[in-house]
Amino acid sequence: QMQLVESGGGLVQAGGSLRLSCVASGRTFSSYAMGWFRRAPGKEREFVEAVGGSGGNTYYADSVKGRFTISRDNAKNTVYLQMNSLKPEDTAVYYCAGDSSFVTVLRRPGYWGQGTQVTVSS
């Protein structure tokens, strides 16, 4: 089992920044690809960004290109999502996710956090 706990969500004005954190426990963190997903009100969950176990490979959704950056600190068992130039349409519950396969973490990761709310006001 892998337990994931997100933090860092909150209310921010459009154009502002937030950094989400996700601390993992229960598994060898560096062996797992990690990702961030989000679910906006009334919409389906969507992929945001992912990073490989070593931190070298990343993949992101076009909607966040140039604004969001995923990173990880394997010594701290933590993955981050730095969100800049936030827009009202970024408002969603953001979920941290993990899987042993980078390909799988992009679509159907096996482990999920409980989510953290991000609200961007206009």
C-alpha atoms as a PDB file:
ATOM      1  CA  GLN A   1       0.000   0.000   0.000  1.00  0.00           C
ATOM      2  CA  MET A   2       0.994   3.558  -0.632  1.00  0.00           C
ATOM      3  CA  GLN A   3      -0.589   6.351   1.366  1.00  0.00           C
ATOM      4  CA  LEU A   4      -0.690   9.820  -0.146  1.00  0.00           C
ATOM      5  CA  VAL A   5      -1.538  13.040   1.683  1.00  0.00           C
ATOM      6  CA  GLU A   6      -1.890  16.334  -0.179  1.00  0.00           C
ATOM      7  CA  SER A   7      -1.623  19.828   1.231  1.00  0.00           C
ATOM      8  CA  GLY A   8      -1.220  23.385   0.021  1.00  0.00           C
ATOM      9  CA  GLY A   9      -4.597  24.089  -1.512  1.00  0.00           C
ATOM     10  CA  GLY A  10      -6.501  27.262  -0.831  1.00  0.00           C
ATOM     11  CA  LEU A  11      -8.060  30.392  -2.253  1.00  0.00           C
ATOM     12  CA  VAL A  12      -6.016  32.586  -4.561  1.00  0.00           C
ATOM     13  CA  GLN A  13      -6.739  35.401  -6.974  1.00  0.00           C
ATOM     14  CA  ALA A  14      -6.363  34.960 -10.702  1.00  0.00           C
ATOM     15  CA  GLY A  15      -2.750  35.399 -11.720  1.00  0.00           C
ATOM     16  CA  GLY A  16      -1.500  34.162  -8.370  1.00  0.00           C
ATOM     17  CA  SER A  17       0.472  31.073  -7.414  1.00  0.00           C
ATOM     18  CA  LEU A  18       0.146  28.049  -5.160  1.00  0.00           C
ATOM     19  CA  ARG A  19       2.344  25.082  -4.469  1.00  0.00           C
ATOM     20  CA  LEU A  20       0.750  21.748  -3.691  1.00  0.00           C
ATOM     21  CA  SER A  21       2.620  19.058  -1.817  1.00  0.00           C
ATOM     22  CA  CYS A  22       1.986  15.338  -1.544  1.00  0.00           C
ATOM     23  CA  VAL A  23       3.769  13.191   0.997  1.00  0.00           C
ATOM     24  CA  ALA A  24       3.911   9.463   0.343  1.00  0.00           C
ATOM     25  CA  SER A  25       4.433   6.614   2.748  1.00  0.00           C
ATOM     26  CA  GLY A  26       4.353   2.874   2.682  1.00  0.00           C
ATOM     27  CA  ARG A  27       6.412   2.166  -0.421  1.00  0.00           C
ATOM     28  CA  THR A  28       9.801   2.877  -1.927  1.00  0.00           C
ATOM     29  CA  PHE A  29       8.913   6.292  -3.199  1.00  0.00           C
ATOM     30  CA  SER A  30      11.599   6.548  -5.875  1.00  0.00           C
ATOM     31  CA  SER A  31      10.240   3.403  -7.534  1.00  0.00           C
ATOM     32  CA  TYR A  32       6.938   5.087  -8.260  1.00  0.00           C
ATOM     33  CA  ALA A  33       5.872   7.517 -10.917  1.00  0.00           C
ATOM     34  CA  MET A  34       3.711  10.261  -9.460  1.00  0.00           C
ATOM     35  CA  GLY A  35       1.033  12.433 -10.932  1.00  0.00           C
ATOM     36  CA  TRP A  36      -1.488  15.155 -10.264  1.00  0.00           C
ATOM     37  CA  PHE A  37      -5.083  15.070 -11.406  1.00  0.00           C
ATOM     38  CA  ARG A  38      -7.960  17.452 -10.849  1.00  0.00           C
ATOM     39  CA  ARG A  39     -11.738  17.414 -10.822  1.00  0.00           C
ATOM     40  CA  ALA A  40     -13.606  20.642 -11.420  1.00  0.00           C
ATOM     41  CA  PRO A  41     -17.233  21.045 -10.327  1.00  0.00           C
ATOM     42  CA  GLY A  42     -19.518  19.214 -12.708  1.00  0.00           C
ATOM     43  CA  LYS A  43     -16.650  17.814 -14.755  1.00  0.00           C
ATOM     44  CA  GLU A  44     -14.792  14.558 -14.993  1.00  0.00           C
ATOM     45  CA  ARG A  45     -11.419  14.081 -13.417  1.00  0.00           C
ATOM     46  CA  GLU A  46      -8.563  15.083 -15.704  1.00  0.00           C
ATOM     47  CA  PHE A  47      -4.848  14.488 -15.832  1.00  0.00           C
ATOM     48  CA  VAL A  48      -2.618  17.467 -15.022  1.00  0.00           C
ATOM     49  CA  GLU A  49       1.012  16.417 -14.865  1.00  0.00           C
ATOM     50  CA  ALA A  50       3.239  13.441 -14.029  1.00  0.00           C
ATOM     51  CA  VAL A  51       6.846  12.729 -13.177  1.00  0.00           C
ATOM     52  CA  GLY A  52       8.923   9.548 -13.328  1.00  0.00           C
ATOM     53  CA  GLY A  53      10.570   7.954 -10.346  1.00  0.00           C
ATOM     54  CA  SER A  54      13.925   9.654 -10.822  1.00  0.00           C
ATOM     55  CA  GLY A  55      12.336  12.993 -11.663  1.00  0.00           C
ATOM     56  CA  GLY A  56      13.815  13.030 -15.142  1.00  0.00           C
ATOM     57  CA  ASN A  57      10.673  12.356 -17.147  1.00  0.00           C
ATOM     58  CA  THR A  58       7.682  14.642 -16.982  1.00  0.00           C
ATOM     59  CA  TYR A  59       4.461  14.879 -18.934  1.00  0.00           C
ATOM     60  CA  TYR A  60       1.791  17.546 -18.720  1.00  0.00           C
ATOM     61  CA  ALA A  61      -1.599  18.447 -20.043  1.00  0.00           C
ATOM     62  CA  ASP A  62      -1.736  21.195 -22.659  1.00  0.00           C
ATOM     63  CA  SER A  63      -4.037  23.219 -20.415  1.00  0.00           C
ATOM     64  CA  VAL A  64      -1.244  23.777 -17.882  1.00  0.00           C
ATOM     65  CA  LYS A  65       1.728  24.059 -20.217  1.00  0.00           C
ATOM     66  CA  GLY A  66       4.063  26.838 -19.169  1.00  0.00           C
ATOM     67  CA  ARG A  67       2.149  27.491 -15.948  1.00  0.00           C
ATOM     68  CA  PHE A  68       2.379  24.351 -13.799  1.00  0.00           C
ATOM     69  CA  THR A  69       5.528  22.427 -12.908  1.00  0.00           C
ATOM     70  CA  ILE A  70       5.746  19.048 -11.219  1.00  0.00           C
ATOM     71  CA  SER A  71       8.808  18.059  -9.221  1.00  0.00           C
ATOM     72  CA  ARG A  72       9.753  15.551  -6.561  1.00  0.00           C
ATOM     73  CA  ASP A  73      12.141  15.175  -3.660  1.00  0.00           C
ATOM     74  CA  ASN A  74      12.756  11.478  -3.141  1.00  0.00           C
ATOM     75  CA  ALA A  75      14.652  12.108   0.090  1.00  0.00           C
ATOM     76  CA  LYS A  76      11.459  13.623   1.513  1.00  0.00           C
ATOM     77  CA  ASN A  77       9.008  11.227  -0.187  1.00  0.00           C
ATOM     78  CA  THR A  78       7.269  14.286  -1.574  1.00  0.00           C
ATOM     79  CA  VAL A  79       5.963  15.392  -4.943  1.00  0.00           C
ATOM     80  CA  TYR A  80       5.076  19.013  -5.647  1.00  0.00           C
ATOM     81  CA  LEU A  81       2.935  20.906  -8.104  1.00  0.00           C
ATOM     82  CA  GLN A  82       3.945  24.520  -8.552  1.00  0.00           C
ATOM     83  CA  MET A  83       1.035  26.411 -10.073  1.00  0.00           C
ATOM     84  CA  ASN A  84       1.634  29.874 -11.489  1.00  0.00           C
ATOM     85  CA  SER A  85      -0.553  32.275 -13.442  1.00  0.00           C
ATOM     86  CA  LEU A  86      -3.630  30.612 -12.032  1.00  0.00           C
ATOM     87  CA  LYS A  87      -6.944  31.055 -13.809  1.00  0.00           C
ATOM     88  CA  PRO A  88     -10.508  30.674 -12.516  1.00  0.00           C
ATOM     89  CA  GLU A  89     -10.839  27.562 -14.694  1.00  0.00           C
ATOM     90  CA  ASP A  90      -8.080  25.937 -12.632  1.00  0.00           C
ATOM     91  CA  THR A  91     -10.536  25.762  -9.733  1.00  0.00           C
ATOM     92  CA  ALA A  92     -10.834  22.092  -8.782  1.00  0.00           C
ATOM     93  CA  VAL A  93     -10.017  19.457  -6.238  1.00  0.00           C
ATOM     94  CA  TYR A  94      -6.455  18.373  -6.944  1.00  0.00           C
ATOM     95  CA  TYR A  95      -5.440  14.780  -6.344  1.00  0.00           C
ATOM     96  CA  CYS A  96      -2.022  13.257  -5.981  1.00  0.00           C
ATOM     97  CA  ALA A  97      -1.608   9.795  -7.485  1.00  0.00           C
ATOM     98  CA  GLY A  98       1.070   7.152  -7.817  1.00  0.00           C
ATOM     99  CA  ASP A  99       1.867   3.963  -9.676  1.00  0.00           C
ATOM    100  CA  SER A 100       4.828   1.749 -10.407  1.00  0.00           C
ATOM    101  CA  SER A 101       4.360   2.377 -14.134  1.00  0.00           C
ATOM    102  CA  PHE A 102       4.785   5.818 -15.697  1.00  0.00           C
ATOM    103  CA  VAL A 103       2.354   4.927 -18.461  1.00  0.00           C
ATOM    104  CA  THR A 104      -0.252   3.736 -15.988  1.00  0.00           C
ATOM    105  CA  VAL A 105       0.063   6.824 -13.786  1.00  0.00           C
ATOM    106  CA  LEU A 106      -1.043   8.933 -16.744  1.00  0.00           C
ATOM    107  CA  ARG A 107      -4.413   7.215 -16.951  1.00  0.00           C
ATOM    108  CA  ARG A 108      -5.276   4.834 -14.119  1.00  0.00           C
ATOM    109  CA  PRO A 109      -2.891   5.150 -11.200  1.00  0.00           C
ATOM    110  CA  GLY A 110      -3.310   2.614  -8.465  1.00  0.00           C
ATOM    111  CA  TYR A 111      -2.898   4.959  -5.483  1.00  0.00           C
ATOM    112  CA  TRP A 112      -4.708   8.187  -4.725  1.00  0.00           C
ATOM    113  CA  GLY A 113      -4.681  10.887  -2.107  1.00  0.00           C
ATOM    114  CA  GLN A 114      -7.802  12.419  -0.616  1.00  0.00           C
ATOM    115  CA  GLY A 115      -7.525  15.657  -2.585  1.00  0.00           C
ATOM    116  CA  THR A 116      -7.017  19.315  -1.781  1.00  0.00           C
ATOM    117  CA  GLN A 117      -9.259  22.159  -2.907  1.00  0.00           C
ATOM    118  CA  VAL A 118      -7.867  24.940  -5.081  1.00  0.00           C
ATOM    119  CA  THR A 119     -10.123  27.907  -5.725  1.00  0.00           C
ATOM    120  CA  VAL A 120      -9.106  30.721  -8.058  1.00  0.00           C
ATOM    121  CA  SER A 121     -11.171  33.879  -7.874  1.00  0.00           C
ATOM    122  CA  SER A 122     -11.526  36.282 -10.790  1.00  0.00           C
END
